[in-house]
C-alpha atoms as a PDB file:
ATOM      1  CA  UNK A   1      11.105  47.101  60.663  1.00  0.00           C
ATOM      2  CA  UNK A   2      11.518  46.425  57.042  1.00  0.00           C
ATOM      3  CA  UNK A   3      10.567  49.372  55.057  1.00  0.00           C
ATOM      4  CA  UNK A   4       8.194  48.938  51.728  1.00  0.00           C
ATOM      5  CA  UNK A   5       6.985  50.914  49.220  1.00  0.00           C
ATOM      6  CA  UNK A   6       3.468  49.985  48.050  1.00  0.00           C
ATOM      7  CA  UNK A   7       2.989  51.312  44.248  1.00  0.00           C
ATOM      8  CA  UNK A   8      -1.193  51.266  43.630  1.00  0.00           C
ATOM      9  CA  UNK A   9      -2.607  50.784  40.328  1.00  0.00           C
ATOM     10  CA  UNK A  10      -5.514  52.890  38.986  1.00  0.00           C
ATOM     11  CA  UNK A  11      -5.132  55.518  41.989  1.00  0.00           C
ATOM     12  CA  UNK A  12      -6.284  58.937  41.111  1.00  0.00           C
ATOM     13  CA  UNK A  13      -7.033  57.883  37.378  1.00  0.00           C
ATOM     14  CA  UNK A  14     -10.043  56.933  35.938  1.00  0.00           C
ATOM     15  CA  UNK A  15     -12.419  58.232  38.579  1.00  0.00           C
ATOM     16  CA  UNK A  16     -10.473  56.246  41.719  1.00  0.00           C
ATOM     17  CA  UNK A  17     -10.185  59.135  43.440  1.00  0.00           C
ATOM     18  CA  UNK A  18      -8.450  59.387  46.819  1.00  0.00           C
ATOM     19  CA  UNK A  19      -6.915  61.697  49.003  1.00  0.00           C
ATOM     20  CA  UNK A  20      -3.197  60.307  49.925  1.00  0.00           C
ATOM     21  CA  UNK A  21      -3.839  61.651  53.611  1.00  0.00           C
ATOM     22  CA  UNK A  22      -7.099  59.450  53.628  1.00  0.00           C
ATOM     23  CA  UNK A  23      -5.075  56.603  52.474  1.00  0.00           C
ATOM     24  CA  UNK A  24      -2.041  57.420  54.753  1.00  0.00           C
ATOM     25  CA  UNK A  25      -4.994  57.274  57.737  1.00  0.00           C
ATOM     26  CA  UNK A  26      -6.645  53.905  56.556  1.00  0.00           C
ATOM     27  CA  UNK A  27      -2.966  52.151  56.596  1.00  0.00           C
ATOM     28  CA  UNK A  28      -1.989  53.518  59.809  1.00  0.00           C
ATOM     29  CA  UNK A  29      -5.316  51.994  61.250  1.00  0.00           C
ATOM     30  CA  UNK A  30      -3.952  48.844  59.985  1.00  0.00           C
ATOM     31  CA  UNK A  31      -0.860  49.086  62.231  1.00  0.00           C
ATOM     32  CA  UNK A  32       1.570  49.959  59.451  1.00  0.00           C
ATOM     33  CA  UNK A  33       4.206  52.535  60.604  1.00  0.00           C
ATOM     34  CA  UNK A  34       6.006  55.377  59.389  1.00  0.00           C
ATOM     35  CA  UNK A  35       3.647  55.836  56.492  1.00  0.00           C
ATOM     36  CA  UNK A  36       4.416  57.949  53.846  1.00  0.00           C
ATOM     37  CA  UNK A  37       2.900  58.948  50.419  1.00  0.00           C
ATOM     38  CA  UNK A  38       5.177  59.998  47.368  1.00  0.00           C
ATOM     39  CA  UNK A  39       3.127  62.222  45.033  1.00  0.00           C
ATOM     40  CA  UNK A  40      -0.226  61.377  44.554  1.00  0.00           C
ATOM     41  CA  UNK A  41      -0.517  58.719  42.437  1.00  0.00           C
ATOM     42  CA  UNK A  42      -0.434  55.990  44.805  1.00  0.00           C
ATOM     43  CA  UNK A  43       3.082  55.654  45.990  1.00  0.00           C
ATOM     44  CA  UNK A  44       2.942  54.896  49.433  1.00  0.00           C
ATOM     45  CA  UNK A  45       6.582  54.030  51.696  1.00  0.00           C
ATOM     46  CA  UNK A  46       5.660  52.077  55.211  1.00  0.00           C
ATOM     47  CA  UNK A  47       7.413  49.855  57.682  1.00  0.00           C
ATOM     48  CA  UNK A  48       5.608  46.697  58.983  1.00  0.00           C
ATOM     49  CA  UNK A  49       6.814  43.281  60.225  1.00  0.00           C
ATOM     50  CA  UNK A  50       8.666  41.105  57.849  1.00  0.00           C
ATOM     51  CA  UNK A  51       6.040  39.422  55.756  1.00  0.00           C
ATOM     52  CA  UNK A  52       6.332  38.149  52.147  1.00  0.00           C
ATOM     53  CA  UNK A  53       5.749  40.767  49.594  1.00  0.00           C
ATOM     54  CA  UNK A  54       2.435  38.846  48.011  1.00  0.00           C
ATOM     55  CA  UNK A  55       0.595  39.101  51.546  1.00  0.00           C
ATOM     56  CA  UNK A  56       1.395  42.682  51.980  1.00  0.00           C
ATOM     57  CA  UNK A  57       0.006  43.332  48.307  1.00  0.00           C
ATOM     58  CA  UNK A  58      -3.425  41.274  49.126  1.00  0.00           C
ATOM     59  CA  UNK A  59      -3.551  43.375  52.257  1.00  0.00           C
ATOM     60  CA  UNK A  60      -3.458  46.519  51.214  1.00  0.00           C
ATOM     61  CA  UNK A  61      -5.393  46.048  48.177  1.00  0.00           C
ATOM     62  CA  UNK A  62      -8.023  44.506  51.077  1.00  0.00           C
ATOM     63  CA  UNK A  63      -8.080  47.964  52.292  1.00  0.00           C
ATOM     64  CA  UNK A  64      -8.812  50.271  49.876  1.00  0.00           C
ATOM     65  CA  UNK A  65     -11.319  47.933  48.467  1.00  0.00           C
ATOM     66  CA  UNK A  66     -13.092  47.737  52.036  1.00  0.00           C
ATOM     67  CA  UNK A  67     -12.474  51.503  53.158  1.00  0.00           C
ATOM     68  CA  UNK A  68     -12.802  53.353  49.550  1.00  0.00           C
ATOM     69  CA  UNK A  69     -14.666  51.054  47.517  1.00  0.00           C
ATOM     70  CA  UNK A  70     -12.470  50.318  44.772  1.00  0.00           C
ATOM     71  CA  UNK A  71     -10.649  47.312  43.348  1.00  0.00           C
ATOM     72  CA  UNK A  72      -6.872  47.780  42.700  1.00  0.00           C
ATOM     73  CA  UNK A  73      -3.648  45.937  42.686  1.00  0.00           C
ATOM     74  CA  UNK A  74      -0.496  47.037  45.145  1.00  0.00           C
ATOM     75  CA  UNK A  75       3.074  45.732  43.735  1.00  0.00           C
ATOM     76  CA  UNK A  76       4.655  45.948  47.129  1.00  0.00           C
ATOM     77  CA  UNK A  77       8.607  46.054  47.182  1.00  0.00           C
ATOM     78  CA  UNK A  78      11.516  46.569  49.099  1.00  0.00           C
ATOM     79  CA  UNK A  79      14.450  49.205  48.888  1.00  0.00           C
ATOM     80  CA  UNK A  80      16.580  46.668  46.822  1.00  0.00           C
ATOM     81  CA  UNK A  81      13.927  45.619  44.671  1.00  0.00           C
ATOM     82  CA  UNK A  82      12.895  49.033  43.668  1.00  0.00           C
ATOM     83  CA  UNK A  83      16.775  49.531  43.241  1.00  0.00           C
ATOM     84  CA  UNK A  84      16.291  46.489  40.534  1.00  0.00           C
ATOM     85  CA  UNK A  85      13.612  48.068  39.035  1.00  0.00           C
ATOM     86  CA  UNK A  86      15.146  50.597  37.354  1.00  0.00           C
ATOM     87  CA  UNK A  87      18.800  48.950  37.366  1.00  0.00           C
ATOM     88  CA  UNK A  88      17.739  46.005  35.527  1.00  0.00           C
ATOM     89  CA  UNK A  89      15.376  48.160  33.029  1.00  0.00           C
ATOM     90  CA  UNK A  90      17.450  47.749  29.606  1.00  0.00           C
ATOM     91  CA  UNK A  91      16.242  51.436  28.681  1.00  0.00           C
ATOM     92  CA  UNK A  92      17.227  53.065  31.957  1.00  0.00           C
ATOM     93  CA  UNK A  93      20.011  54.949  31.238  1.00  0.00           C
ATOM     94  CA  UNK A  94      19.521  55.124  27.463  1.00  0.00           C
ATOM     95  CA  UNK A  95      15.977  56.723  27.192  1.00  0.00           C
ATOM     96  CA  UNK A  96      14.534  59.880  28.706  1.00  0.00           C
ATOM     97  CA  UNK A  97      13.754  59.309  32.591  1.00  0.00           C
ATOM     98  CA  UNK A  98      10.186  60.175  32.471  1.00  0.00           C
ATOM     99  CA  UNK A  99       9.553  58.084  29.225  1.00  0.00           C
ATOM    100  CA  UNK A 100      11.254  55.058  30.667  1.00  0.00           C
ATOM    101  CA  UNK A 101       8.796  52.818  32.680  1.00  0.00           C
ATOM    102  CA  UNK A 102       9.116  49.419  34.940  1.00  0.00           C
ATOM    103  CA  UNK A 103       5.486  47.936  35.361  1.00  0.00           C
ATOM    104  CA  UNK A 104       5.121  45.953  38.531  1.00  0.00           C
ATOM    105  CA  UNK A 105       2.825  43.099  37.472  1.00  0.00           C
ATOM    106  CA  UNK A 106       0.942  40.913  40.007  1.00  0.00           C
ATOM    107  CA  UNK A 107       2.890  37.588  39.015  1.00  0.00           C
ATOM    108  CA  UNK A 108       5.506  36.687  36.369  1.00  0.00           C
ATOM    109  CA  UNK A 109       4.560  36.915  32.301  1.00  0.00           C
ATOM    110  CA  UNK A 110       4.260  33.808  30.599  1.00  0.00           C
ATOM    111  CA  UNK A 111       7.168  34.485  28.030  1.00  0.00           C
ATOM    112  CA  UNK A 112       4.681  33.099  25.424  1.00  0.00           C
ATOM    113  CA  UNK A 113       1.880  35.530  25.733  1.00  0.00           C
ATOM    114  CA  UNK A 114       4.469  38.058  25.987  1.00  0.00           C
ATOM    115  CA  UNK A 115       5.696  37.028  22.671  1.00  0.00           C
ATOM    116  CA  UNK A 116       2.222  37.226  21.127  1.00  0.00           C
ATOM    117  CA  UNK A 117       1.520  40.771  22.621  1.00  0.00           C
ATOM    118  CA  UNK A 118       4.989  41.607  21.215  1.00  0.00           C
ATOM    119  CA  UNK A 119       3.646  40.475  17.593  1.00  0.00           C
ATOM    120  CA  UNK A 120       0.195  42.290  18.223  1.00  0.00           C
ATOM    121  CA  UNK A 121       1.739  45.480  18.899  1.00  0.00           C
ATOM    122  CA  UNK A 122       4.184  45.416  15.957  1.00  0.00           C
ATOM    123  CA  UNK A 123       4.443  48.533  14.103  1.00  0.00           C
ATOM    124  CA  UNK A 124       1.892  50.250  16.149  1.00  0.00           C
ATOM    125  CA  UNK A 125       4.319  52.431  18.036  1.00  0.00           C
ATOM    126  CA  UNK A 126       7.720  53.627  18.421  1.00  0.00           C
ATOM    127  CA  UNK A 127       7.885  51.971  22.377  1.00  0.00           C
ATOM    128  CA  UNK A 128      10.474  49.635  23.013  1.00  0.00           C
ATOM    129  CA  UNK A 129       9.576  46.613  25.417  1.00  0.00           C
ATOM    130  CA  UNK A 130      11.383  44.188  26.996  1.00  0.00           C
ATOM    131  CA  UNK A 131      10.358  41.397  30.001  1.00  0.00           C
ATOM    132  CA  UNK A 132      11.685  40.850  33.184  1.00  0.00           C
ATOM    133  CA  UNK A 133      11.035  38.505  36.265  1.00  0.00           C
ATOM    134  CA  UNK A 134       7.829  40.155  37.627  1.00  0.00           C
ATOM    135  CA  UNK A 135       8.062  43.256  35.572  1.00  0.00           C
ATOM    136  CA  UNK A 136       7.938  44.604  32.078  1.00  0.00           C
ATOM    137  CA  UNK A 137      10.259  47.444  30.880  1.00  0.00           C
ATOM    138  CA  UNK A 138       9.158  49.826  28.392  1.00  0.00           C
ATOM    139  CA  UNK A 139      10.734  52.823  26.833  1.00  0.00           C
ATOM    140  CA  UNK A 140       8.003  55.255  25.644  1.00  0.00           C
ATOM    141  CA  UNK A 141      10.516  56.875  23.292  1.00  0.00           C
ATOM    142  CA  UNK A 142       8.413  60.277  22.188  1.00  0.00           C
ATOM    143  CA  UNK A 143       5.131  60.212  24.946  1.00  0.00           C
ATOM    144  CA  UNK A 144       3.240  58.325  27.163  1.00  0.00           C
ATOM    145  CA  UNK A 145      -0.015  59.833  26.705  1.00  0.00           C
ATOM    146  CA  UNK A 146      -1.263  59.254  23.254  1.00  0.00           C
ATOM    147  CA  UNK A 147       0.438  56.019  23.226  1.00  0.00           C
ATOM    148  CA  UNK A 148      -1.154  52.916  21.774  1.00  0.00           C
ATOM    149  CA  UNK A 149       0.575  50.777  24.384  1.00  0.00           C
ATOM    150  CA  UNK A 150      -1.787  51.050  27.006  1.00  0.00           C
ATOM    151  CA  UNK A 151      -1.894  49.336  30.613  1.00  0.00           C
ATOM    152  CA  UNK A 152      -5.372  47.852  29.115  1.00  0.00           C
ATOM    153  CA  UNK A 153      -3.664  46.550  26.133  1.00  0.00           C
ATOM    154  CA  UNK A 154      -0.810  44.901  28.161  1.00  0.00           C
ATOM    155  CA  UNK A 155      -2.853  43.545  30.974  1.00  0.00           C
ATOM    156  CA  UNK A 156      -5.266  42.330  28.203  1.00  0.00           C
ATOM    157  CA  UNK A 157      -2.817  40.298  26.217  1.00  0.00           C
ATOM    158  CA  UNK A 158      -0.581  39.358  29.291  1.00  0.00           C
ATOM    159  CA  UNK A 159      -3.492  38.445  31.444  1.00  0.00           C
ATOM    160  CA  UNK A 160      -1.696  40.280  34.244  1.00  0.00           C
ATOM    161  CA  UNK A 161      -2.291  43.377  36.328  1.00  0.00           C
ATOM    162  CA  UNK A 162       0.157  45.846  36.620  1.00  0.00           C
ATOM    163  CA  UNK A 163       1.134  49.425  37.555  1.00  0.00           C
ATOM    164  CA  UNK A 164       3.691  51.554  36.205  1.00  0.00           C
ATOM    165  CA  UNK A 165       6.246  53.975  37.446  1.00  0.00           C
ATOM    166  CA  UNK A 166       8.906  56.269  35.229  1.00  0.00           C
ATOM    167  CA  UNK A 167      12.538  56.068  36.368  1.00  0.00           C
ATOM    168  CA  UNK A 168      12.214  59.696  37.626  1.00  0.00           C
ATOM    169  CA  UNK A 169       9.627  58.452  40.538  1.00  0.00           C
ATOM    170  CA  UNK A 170      11.630  55.081  40.992  1.00  0.00           C
ATOM    171  CA  UNK A 171      14.691  56.818  41.763  1.00  0.00           C
ATOM    172  CA  UNK A 172      13.469  59.250  43.848  1.00  0.00           C
ATOM    173  CA  UNK A 173      11.316  56.592  46.020  1.00  0.00           C
ATOM    174  CA  UNK A 174      14.387  54.967  46.403  1.00  0.00           C
ATOM    175  CA  UNK A 175      16.271  57.743  47.813  1.00  0.00           C
ATOM    176  CA  UNK A 176      13.550  58.538  50.229  1.00  0.00           C
ATOM    177  CA  UNK A 177      13.954  54.617  51.183  1.00  0.00           C
ATOM    178  CA  UNK A 178      17.880  54.598  51.712  1.00  0.00           C
END
């Protein structure tokens, strides 16, 4: 059975508190197998019959909304896609792993909206930003917390939902999957 990781957005931040044991139990009731959480920020490893990632994303978001009452987005990736999320990140290897992030988008970003977002952010901070296929790559350079390049800014400008993970987390998850 194929193995996946679901990267949930807005979990255990901004009031959307959820115990990972409760999430794991809910997903196991929906016939996901070998469910394992990795840290408390909404990373869930699981096995499931072959199915397009988009369908899994919708199913997982529905489970959280139905069982726990909050809206989320789940980016679902297999091990090869997770490896690509750090290997294709142009800042991986030339920035601090904890500051270099891959933001998984709910769909590919429009290049024109990405260019407009870059123009709107020009001069606001030291971050380096690049567009991938269904990802956005960011090197926060100095610090993530006080950065003005927030998820809300990116989502509003790109008109895409996203969830971010740093290189340390992605490599740790990839190693658990392989």
